[in-house]
Amino acid sequence: MGVELILSALIAGAIAGVSATATEAIKDAYTAFKSLIASKVGDDELRPLEEAPKVPENQHRIQELLERAGVAGNEVLIAQATQLLEIIKRDAPSALHEAAIDIDKFTSGSLRVSNSDSVRGKEWKVERDAVFDNVGKKNE
């Protein structure tokens, strides 16, 4: 759950944090969160995701870096990711929809989301493995 949540916060933060209507709370939370992530994977590594957060290749690259950095169980990162998503939900909910993320009250045993255009939820509780793969993807 940790890597997916952290990645979701990065994507939503990149979308909301650079918008013309971003609140100071979003900007501050995103900047602090991004700095903490950069300390784990390197600032240069985040640039492509920040410039094009909806590009799957950029998302996958950051996900791989986060997994290699071993941040999945990092409680500080998870708490900051959750806080950033809550601020975005409060101040710029359209960024969550644009990022195709909508997670409320999420508890987990194990969850994996990959290669998906949208993930939404409310009052989630996952006690065993839950996998969402290719959600919202159209057959080409």
N, C-alpha and C. Protein backbone atom coordinates (compact mmCIF):
# COMPACT_ATOMS: atom_id res chain seq x y z
N MET A 1 0.82 -1.20 0.00
CA MET A 1 0.00 0.00 0.00
C MET A 1 0.85 1.25 0.00
N GLY A 2 1.97 1.24 0.70
CA GLY A 2 2.76 2.45 0.87
C GLY A 2 3.23 3.08 -0.41
N VAL A 3 3.82 2.27 -1.30
CA VAL A 3 4.36 2.83 -2.54
C VAL A 3 3.24 3.42 -3.39
N GLU A 4 2.12 2.71 -3.48
CA GLU A 4 1.00 3.20 -4.30
C GLU A 4 0.44 4.51 -3.74
N LEU A 5 0.32 4.58 -2.42
CA LEU A 5 -0.18 5.81 -1.79
C LEU A 5 0.79 6.96 -2.01
N ILE A 6 2.07 6.70 -1.84
CA ILE A 6 3.10 7.72 -2.02
C ILE A 6 3.10 8.20 -3.47
N LEU A 7 3.03 7.26 -4.41
CA LEU A 7 3.00 7.62 -5.83
C LEU A 7 1.74 8.42 -6.15
N SER A 8 0.60 8.01 -5.61
CA SER A 8 -0.65 8.74 -5.84
C SER A 8 -0.54 10.18 -5.35
N ALA A 9 0.07 10.36 -4.18
CA ALA A 9 0.24 11.71 -3.64
C ALA A 9 1.17 12.53 -4.51
N LEU A 10 2.23 11.91 -5.02
CA LEU A 10 3.14 12.63 -5.92
C LEU A 10 2.43 13.07 -7.19
N ILE A 11 1.65 12.18 -7.78
CA ILE A 11 0.94 12.50 -9.02
C ILE A 11 -0.07 13.62 -8.77
N ALA A 12 -0.90 13.45 -7.75
CA ALA A 12 -1.91 14.47 -7.44
C ALA A 12 -1.25 15.79 -7.06
N GLY A 13 -0.16 15.72 -6.30
CA GLY A 13 0.55 16.93 -5.91
C GLY A 13 1.15 17.65 -7.10
N ALA A 14 1.69 16.87 -8.04
CA ALA A 14 2.25 17.48 -9.25
C ALA A 14 1.18 18.18 -10.06
N ILE A 15 0.00 17.60 -10.11
CA ILE A 15 -1.10 18.21 -10.85
C ILE A 15 -1.64 19.43 -10.11
N ALA A 16 -1.92 19.28 -8.83
CA ALA A 16 -2.52 20.38 -8.06
C ALA A 16 -1.51 21.45 -7.66
N GLY A 17 -0.28 21.04 -7.37
CA GLY A 17 0.71 21.95 -6.84
C GLY A 17 1.21 23.01 -7.80
N VAL A 18 1.10 22.73 -9.08
CA VAL A 18 1.59 23.70 -10.06
C VAL A 18 0.45 24.43 -10.78
N SER A 19 -0.77 24.15 -10.39
CA SER A 19 -1.89 24.83 -11.05
C SER A 19 -1.96 26.28 -10.60
N ALA A 20 -2.56 27.09 -11.42
CA ALA A 20 -2.69 28.53 -11.12
C ALA A 20 -3.56 28.76 -9.88
N THR A 21 -4.41 27.81 -9.57
CA THR A 21 -5.33 27.97 -8.45
C THR A 21 -4.88 27.22 -7.20
N ALA A 22 -3.67 26.70 -7.20
CA ALA A 22 -3.17 25.95 -6.04
C ALA A 22 -3.13 26.85 -4.81
N THR A 23 -3.65 26.34 -3.70
CA THR A 23 -3.60 27.09 -2.45
C THR A 23 -2.21 27.00 -1.85
N GLU A 24 -1.92 27.90 -0.94
CA GLU A 24 -0.63 27.85 -0.25
C GLU A 24 -0.47 26.54 0.51
N ALA A 25 -1.57 26.03 1.06
CA ALA A 25 -1.51 24.76 1.80
C ALA A 25 -1.07 23.63 0.88
N ILE A 26 -1.61 23.60 -0.35
CA ILE A 26 -1.21 22.56 -1.31
C ILE A 26 0.25 22.74 -1.69
N LYS A 27 0.63 23.97 -2.03
CA LYS A 27 2.01 24.22 -2.43
C LYS A 27 2.99 23.83 -1.33
N ASP A 28 2.69 24.23 -0.09
CA ASP A 28 3.58 23.93 1.03
C ASP A 28 3.67 22.43 1.28
N ALA A 29 2.51 21.76 1.31
CA ALA A 29 2.49 20.32 1.58
C ALA A 29 3.18 19.55 0.46
N TYR A 30 2.94 19.94 -0.79
CA TYR A 30 3.57 19.26 -1.92
C TYR A 30 5.09 19.48 -1.92
N THR A 31 5.51 20.70 -1.67
CA THR A 31 6.95 21.00 -1.65
C THR A 31 7.65 20.20 -0.55
N ALA A 32 7.06 20.15 0.63
CA ALA A 32 7.66 19.39 1.73
C ALA A 32 7.70 17.90 1.42
N PHE A 33 6.61 17.38 0.86
CA PHE A 33 6.53 15.97 0.52
C PHE A 33 7.52 15.61 -0.58
N LYS A 34 7.57 16.45 -1.61
CA LYS A 34 8.48 16.22 -2.72
C LYS A 34 9.94 16.24 -2.24
N SER A 35 10.27 17.14 -1.33
CA SER A 35 11.63 17.21 -0.79
C SER A 35 11.99 15.94 -0.03
N LEU A 36 11.05 15.43 0.71
CA LEU A 36 11.29 14.20 1.46
C LEU A 36 11.49 13.02 0.50
N ILE A 37 10.68 12.95 -0.54
CA ILE A 37 10.83 11.88 -1.55
C ILE A 37 12.16 12.05 -2.28
N ALA A 38 12.50 13.27 -2.64
CA ALA A 38 13.75 13.53 -3.34
C ALA A 38 14.95 13.07 -2.51
N SER A 39 14.86 13.17 -1.21
CA SER A 39 15.96 12.72 -0.36
C SER A 39 16.13 11.20 -0.42
N LYS A 40 15.10 10.50 -0.86
CA LYS A 40 15.16 9.04 -0.97
C LYS A 40 15.55 8.58 -2.37
N VAL A 41 15.09 9.30 -3.42
CA VAL A 41 15.32 8.83 -4.80
C VAL A 41 16.14 9.80 -5.64
N GLY A 42 16.33 11.00 -5.17
CA GLY A 42 17.07 12.00 -5.94
C GLY A 42 16.14 13.00 -6.62
N ASP A 43 16.47 14.26 -6.53
CA ASP A 43 15.64 15.33 -7.08
C ASP A 43 15.48 15.22 -8.59
N ASP A 44 16.58 14.90 -9.28
CA ASP A 44 16.52 14.79 -10.74
C ASP A 44 15.57 13.70 -11.20
N GLU A 45 15.42 12.67 -10.40
CA GLU A 45 14.54 11.55 -10.75
C GLU A 45 13.06 11.96 -10.73
N LEU A 46 12.71 12.95 -9.94
CA LEU A 46 11.31 13.39 -9.83
C LEU A 46 10.89 14.32 -10.95
N ARG A 47 11.85 14.96 -11.58
CA ARG A 47 11.54 15.98 -12.59
C ARG A 47 10.60 15.49 -13.70
N PRO A 48 10.84 14.32 -14.32
CA PRO A 48 9.93 13.89 -15.39
C PRO A 48 8.48 13.71 -14.92
N LEU A 49 8.30 13.18 -13.71
CA LEU A 49 6.94 13.01 -13.19
C LEU A 49 6.30 14.36 -12.92
N GLU A 50 7.08 15.28 -12.40
CA GLU A 50 6.53 16.60 -12.11
C GLU A 50 6.15 17.34 -13.39
N GLU A 51 6.92 17.17 -14.42
CA GLU A 51 6.64 17.84 -15.70
C GLU A 51 5.49 17.19 -16.46
N ALA A 52 5.32 15.89 -16.31
CA ALA A 52 4.25 15.16 -17.02
C ALA A 52 3.72 14.04 -16.12
N PRO A 53 2.92 14.41 -15.10
CA PRO A 53 2.48 13.42 -14.11
C PRO A 53 1.51 12.36 -14.63
N LYS A 54 0.89 12.62 -15.76
CA LYS A 54 -0.09 11.65 -16.28
C LYS A 54 0.53 10.63 -17.24
N VAL A 55 1.80 10.76 -17.54
CA VAL A 55 2.47 9.85 -18.47
C VAL A 55 2.81 8.56 -17.72
N PRO A 56 2.24 7.43 -18.16
CA PRO A 56 2.46 6.16 -17.46
C PRO A 56 3.93 5.78 -17.29
N GLU A 57 4.75 6.07 -18.27
CA GLU A 57 6.17 5.74 -18.16
C GLU A 57 6.82 6.48 -16.99
N ASN A 58 6.44 7.74 -16.81
CA ASN A 58 6.98 8.52 -15.69
C ASN A 58 6.50 7.95 -14.36
N GLN A 59 5.24 7.57 -14.30
CA GLN A 59 4.68 6.97 -13.08
C GLN A 59 5.38 5.66 -12.75
N HIS A 60 5.56 4.81 -13.76
CA HIS A 60 6.20 3.50 -13.53
C HIS A 60 7.64 3.66 -13.08
N ARG A 61 8.33 4.61 -13.66
CA ARG A 61 9.73 4.85 -13.29
C ARG A 61 9.84 5.26 -11.82
N ILE A 62 8.99 6.17 -11.40
CA ILE A 62 9.02 6.60 -10.00
C ILE A 62 8.60 5.46 -9.08
N GLN A 63 7.61 4.70 -9.49
CA GLN A 63 7.19 3.56 -8.67
C GLN A 63 8.36 2.60 -8.46
N GLU A 64 9.10 2.31 -9.52
CA GLU A 64 10.27 1.43 -9.40
C GLU A 64 11.31 2.01 -8.45
N LEU A 65 11.56 3.31 -8.58
CA LEU A 65 12.54 3.96 -7.71
C LEU A 65 12.09 3.92 -6.25
N LEU A 66 10.81 4.15 -6.01
CA LEU A 66 10.28 4.10 -4.65
C LEU A 66 10.40 2.69 -4.08
N GLU A 67 10.11 1.69 -4.89
CA GLU A 67 10.22 0.31 -4.43
C GLU A 67 11.67 -0.03 -4.10
N ARG A 68 12.60 0.37 -4.98
CA ARG A 68 14.02 0.12 -4.73
C ARG A 68 14.52 0.86 -3.49
N ALA A 69 13.96 2.04 -3.24
CA ALA A 69 14.38 2.83 -2.07
C ALA A 69 13.80 2.26 -0.77
N GLY A 70 12.86 1.31 -0.90
CA GLY A 70 12.30 0.66 0.28
C GLY A 70 11.41 1.55 1.13
N VAL A 71 10.63 2.40 0.50
CA VAL A 71 9.81 3.36 1.24
C VAL A 71 8.41 2.84 1.59
N ALA A 72 8.07 1.63 1.17
CA ALA A 72 6.72 1.11 1.34
C ALA A 72 6.22 1.18 2.78
N GLY A 73 7.08 0.93 3.74
CA GLY A 73 6.67 0.95 5.13
C GLY A 73 7.08 2.19 5.90
N ASN A 74 7.53 3.21 5.20
CA ASN A 74 8.00 4.43 5.84
C ASN A 74 6.81 5.23 6.36
N GLU A 75 6.61 5.19 7.66
CA GLU A 75 5.43 5.81 8.27
C GLU A 75 5.39 7.32 8.07
N VAL A 76 6.54 7.96 8.05
CA VAL A 76 6.58 9.41 7.85
C VAL A 76 6.10 9.76 6.44
N LEU A 77 6.61 9.03 5.45
CA LEU A 77 6.18 9.27 4.07
C LEU A 77 4.70 8.98 3.87
N ILE A 78 4.25 7.89 4.45
CA ILE A 78 2.83 7.52 4.33
C ILE A 78 1.95 8.58 4.98
N ALA A 79 2.36 9.07 6.14
CA ALA A 79 1.58 10.11 6.82
C ALA A 79 1.57 11.40 5.99
N GLN A 80 2.71 11.77 5.43
CA GLN A 80 2.75 13.00 4.62
C GLN A 80 1.96 12.83 3.33
N ALA A 81 2.01 11.64 2.74
CA ALA A 81 1.23 11.38 1.52
C ALA A 81 -0.26 11.50 1.83
N THR A 82 -0.67 10.91 2.93
CA THR A 82 -2.08 10.98 3.33
C THR A 82 -2.50 12.42 3.59
N GLN A 83 -1.64 13.17 4.28
CA GLN A 83 -1.95 14.57 4.57
C GLN A 83 -2.05 15.38 3.28
N LEU A 84 -1.12 15.18 2.36
CA LEU A 84 -1.17 15.90 1.08
C LEU A 84 -2.45 15.58 0.32
N LEU A 85 -2.81 14.30 0.26
CA LEU A 85 -4.05 13.93 -0.45
C LEU A 85 -5.27 14.54 0.22
N GLU A 86 -5.28 14.62 1.53
CA GLU A 86 -6.41 15.24 2.24
C GLU A 86 -6.50 16.73 1.93
N ILE A 87 -5.35 17.40 1.89
CA ILE A 87 -5.35 18.84 1.57
C ILE A 87 -5.83 19.05 0.14
N ILE A 88 -5.36 18.23 -0.77
CA ILE A 88 -5.81 18.35 -2.16
C ILE A 88 -7.29 18.05 -2.27
N LYS A 89 -7.75 17.04 -1.56
CA LYS A 89 -9.18 16.71 -1.58
C LYS A 89 -10.01 17.89 -1.09
N ARG A 90 -9.52 18.57 -0.07
CA ARG A 90 -10.24 19.71 0.50
C ARG A 90 -10.18 20.94 -0.40
N ASP A 91 -8.98 21.23 -0.94
CA ASP A 91 -8.77 22.50 -1.65
C ASP A 91 -8.85 22.41 -3.17
N ALA A 92 -8.58 21.24 -3.73
CA ALA A 92 -8.57 21.10 -5.19
C ALA A 92 -8.97 19.68 -5.59
N PRO A 93 -10.18 19.27 -5.25
CA PRO A 93 -10.59 17.89 -5.52
C PRO A 93 -10.53 17.50 -7.00
N SER A 94 -10.63 18.48 -7.87
CA SER A 94 -10.55 18.16 -9.30
C SER A 94 -9.19 17.57 -9.67
N ALA A 95 -8.15 17.91 -8.92
CA ALA A 95 -6.83 17.34 -9.19
C ALA A 95 -6.82 15.84 -8.92
N LEU A 96 -7.57 15.40 -7.92
CA LEU A 96 -7.66 13.97 -7.65
C LEU A 96 -8.37 13.26 -8.79
N HIS A 97 -9.42 13.89 -9.28
CA HIS A 97 -10.13 13.28 -10.41
C HIS A 97 -9.27 13.31 -11.66
N GLU A 98 -8.54 14.38 -11.84
CA GLU A 98 -7.65 14.47 -12.98
C GLU A 98 -6.55 13.42 -12.90
N ALA A 99 -6.09 13.16 -11.69
CA ALA A 99 -5.08 12.12 -11.47
C ALA A 99 -5.72 10.75 -11.39
N ALA A 100 -7.06 10.71 -11.40
CA ALA A 100 -7.84 9.47 -11.32
C ALA A 100 -7.59 8.75 -10.01
N ILE A 101 -7.60 9.51 -8.93
CA ILE A 101 -7.39 8.95 -7.59
C ILE A 101 -8.52 9.47 -6.71
N ASP A 102 -9.14 8.61 -5.96
CA ASP A 102 -10.18 9.02 -5.03
C ASP A 102 -10.26 7.97 -3.94
N ILE A 103 -9.46 8.11 -2.88
CA ILE A 103 -9.39 7.10 -1.84
C ILE A 103 -9.78 7.75 -0.51
N ASP A 104 -10.80 7.22 0.13
CA ASP A 104 -11.23 7.70 1.42
C ASP A 104 -11.11 6.58 2.46
N LYS A 105 -10.69 6.93 3.66
CA LYS A 105 -10.62 6.02 4.80
C LYS A 105 -10.11 4.65 4.41
N PHE A 106 -8.92 4.59 3.96
CA PHE A 106 -8.32 3.37 3.42
C PHE A 106 -7.54 2.65 4.50
N THR A 107 -7.87 1.39 4.76
CA THR A 107 -7.11 0.52 5.65
C THR A 107 -6.66 -0.64 4.80
N SER A 108 -5.51 -1.20 5.08
CA SER A 108 -5.03 -2.23 4.15
C SER A 108 -4.32 -3.36 4.84
N GLY A 109 -4.43 -4.53 4.24
CA GLY A 109 -3.56 -5.65 4.53
C GLY A 109 -2.55 -5.68 3.42
N SER A 110 -3.04 -5.56 2.19
CA SER A 110 -2.19 -5.49 1.01
C SER A 110 -3.03 -5.03 -0.16
N LEU A 111 -2.52 -4.08 -0.90
CA LEU A 111 -3.21 -3.57 -2.08
C LEU A 111 -2.17 -3.23 -3.12
N ARG A 112 -2.43 -3.62 -4.38
CA ARG A 112 -1.54 -3.25 -5.47
C ARG A 112 -2.39 -2.71 -6.60
N VAL A 113 -2.03 -1.53 -7.07
CA VAL A 113 -2.69 -0.92 -8.21
C VAL A 113 -1.62 -0.68 -9.26
N SER A 114 -1.84 -1.19 -10.47
CA SER A 114 -0.84 -0.97 -11.51
C SER A 114 -1.50 -0.83 -12.86
N ASN A 115 -0.87 -0.07 -13.71
CA ASN A 115 -1.30 0.11 -15.09
C ASN A 115 -2.78 0.46 -15.17
N SER A 116 -3.20 1.42 -14.35
CA SER A 116 -4.62 1.76 -14.24
C SER A 116 -4.84 3.24 -14.47
N ASP A 117 -5.94 3.55 -15.13
CA ASP A 117 -6.29 4.94 -15.39
C ASP A 117 -7.07 5.57 -14.24
N SER A 118 -7.75 4.76 -13.46
CA SER A 118 -8.53 5.35 -12.37
C SER A 118 -8.70 4.35 -11.24
N VAL A 119 -8.61 4.86 -10.04
CA VAL A 119 -8.86 4.08 -8.84
C VAL A 119 -9.66 4.97 -7.92
N ARG A 120 -10.78 4.51 -7.49
CA ARG A 120 -11.63 5.28 -6.60
C ARG A 120 -12.04 4.40 -5.44
N GLY A 121 -12.46 4.96 -4.36
CA GLY A 121 -12.90 4.14 -3.24
C GLY A 121 -13.50 4.96 -2.14
N LYS A 122 -14.16 4.31 -1.25
CA LYS A 122 -14.74 4.96 -0.08
C LYS A 122 -14.85 3.90 1.01
N GLU A 123 -14.38 4.25 2.19
CA GLU A 123 -14.46 3.35 3.34
C GLU A 123 -13.82 1.99 3.04
N TRP A 124 -12.68 1.97 2.39
CA TRP A 124 -12.00 0.72 2.03
C TRP A 124 -11.44 0.04 3.28
N LYS A 125 -11.45 -1.27 3.27
CA LYS A 125 -10.72 -2.05 4.26
C LYS A 125 -10.28 -3.32 3.56
N VAL A 126 -9.01 -3.48 3.37
CA VAL A 126 -8.46 -4.63 2.66
C VAL A 126 -7.71 -5.47 3.67
N GLU A 127 -8.16 -6.69 3.87
CA GLU A 127 -7.50 -7.55 4.85
C GLU A 127 -6.59 -8.58 4.20
N ARG A 128 -6.78 -8.81 2.93
CA ARG A 128 -5.94 -9.74 2.19
C ARG A 128 -5.51 -9.06 0.91
N ASP A 129 -4.76 -9.75 0.11
CA ASP A 129 -4.28 -9.16 -1.14
C ASP A 129 -5.43 -8.69 -2.01
N ALA A 130 -5.32 -7.46 -2.48
CA ALA A 130 -6.26 -6.91 -3.45
C ALA A 130 -5.43 -6.31 -4.57
N VAL A 131 -5.75 -6.67 -5.79
CA VAL A 131 -4.96 -6.23 -6.93
C VAL A 131 -5.89 -5.58 -7.95
N PHE A 132 -5.55 -4.36 -8.36
CA PHE A 132 -6.26 -3.67 -9.43
C PHE A 132 -5.24 -3.45 -10.55
N ASP A 133 -5.44 -4.14 -11.64
CA ASP A 133 -4.51 -4.03 -12.75
C ASP A 133 -5.30 -3.69 -14.01
N ASN A 134 -4.82 -2.72 -14.76
CA ASN A 134 -5.47 -2.30 -16.00
C ASN A 134 -6.87 -1.73 -15.79
N VAL A 135 -7.12 -1.14 -14.64
CA VAL A 135 -8.42 -0.53 -14.37
C VAL A 135 -8.57 0.71 -15.22
N GLY A 136 -9.65 0.78 -15.96
CA GLY A 136 -9.93 1.94 -16.79
C GLY A 136 -9.17 1.95 -18.10
N LYS A 137 -8.37 0.94 -18.35
CA LYS A 137 -7.61 0.86 -19.60
C LYS A 137 -8.52 0.34 -20.71
N LYS A 138 -8.46 0.97 -21.84
CA LYS A 138 -9.25 0.54 -23.00
C LYS A 138 -8.39 -0.37 -23.86
N ASN A 139 -9.00 -1.40 -24.36
CA ASN A 139 -8.28 -2.28 -25.29
C ASN A 139 -7.99 -1.54 -26.56
N GLU A 140 -6.77 -1.63 -27.01
CA GLU A 140 -6.39 -0.91 -28.24
C GLU A 140 -6.23 -1.87 -29.38
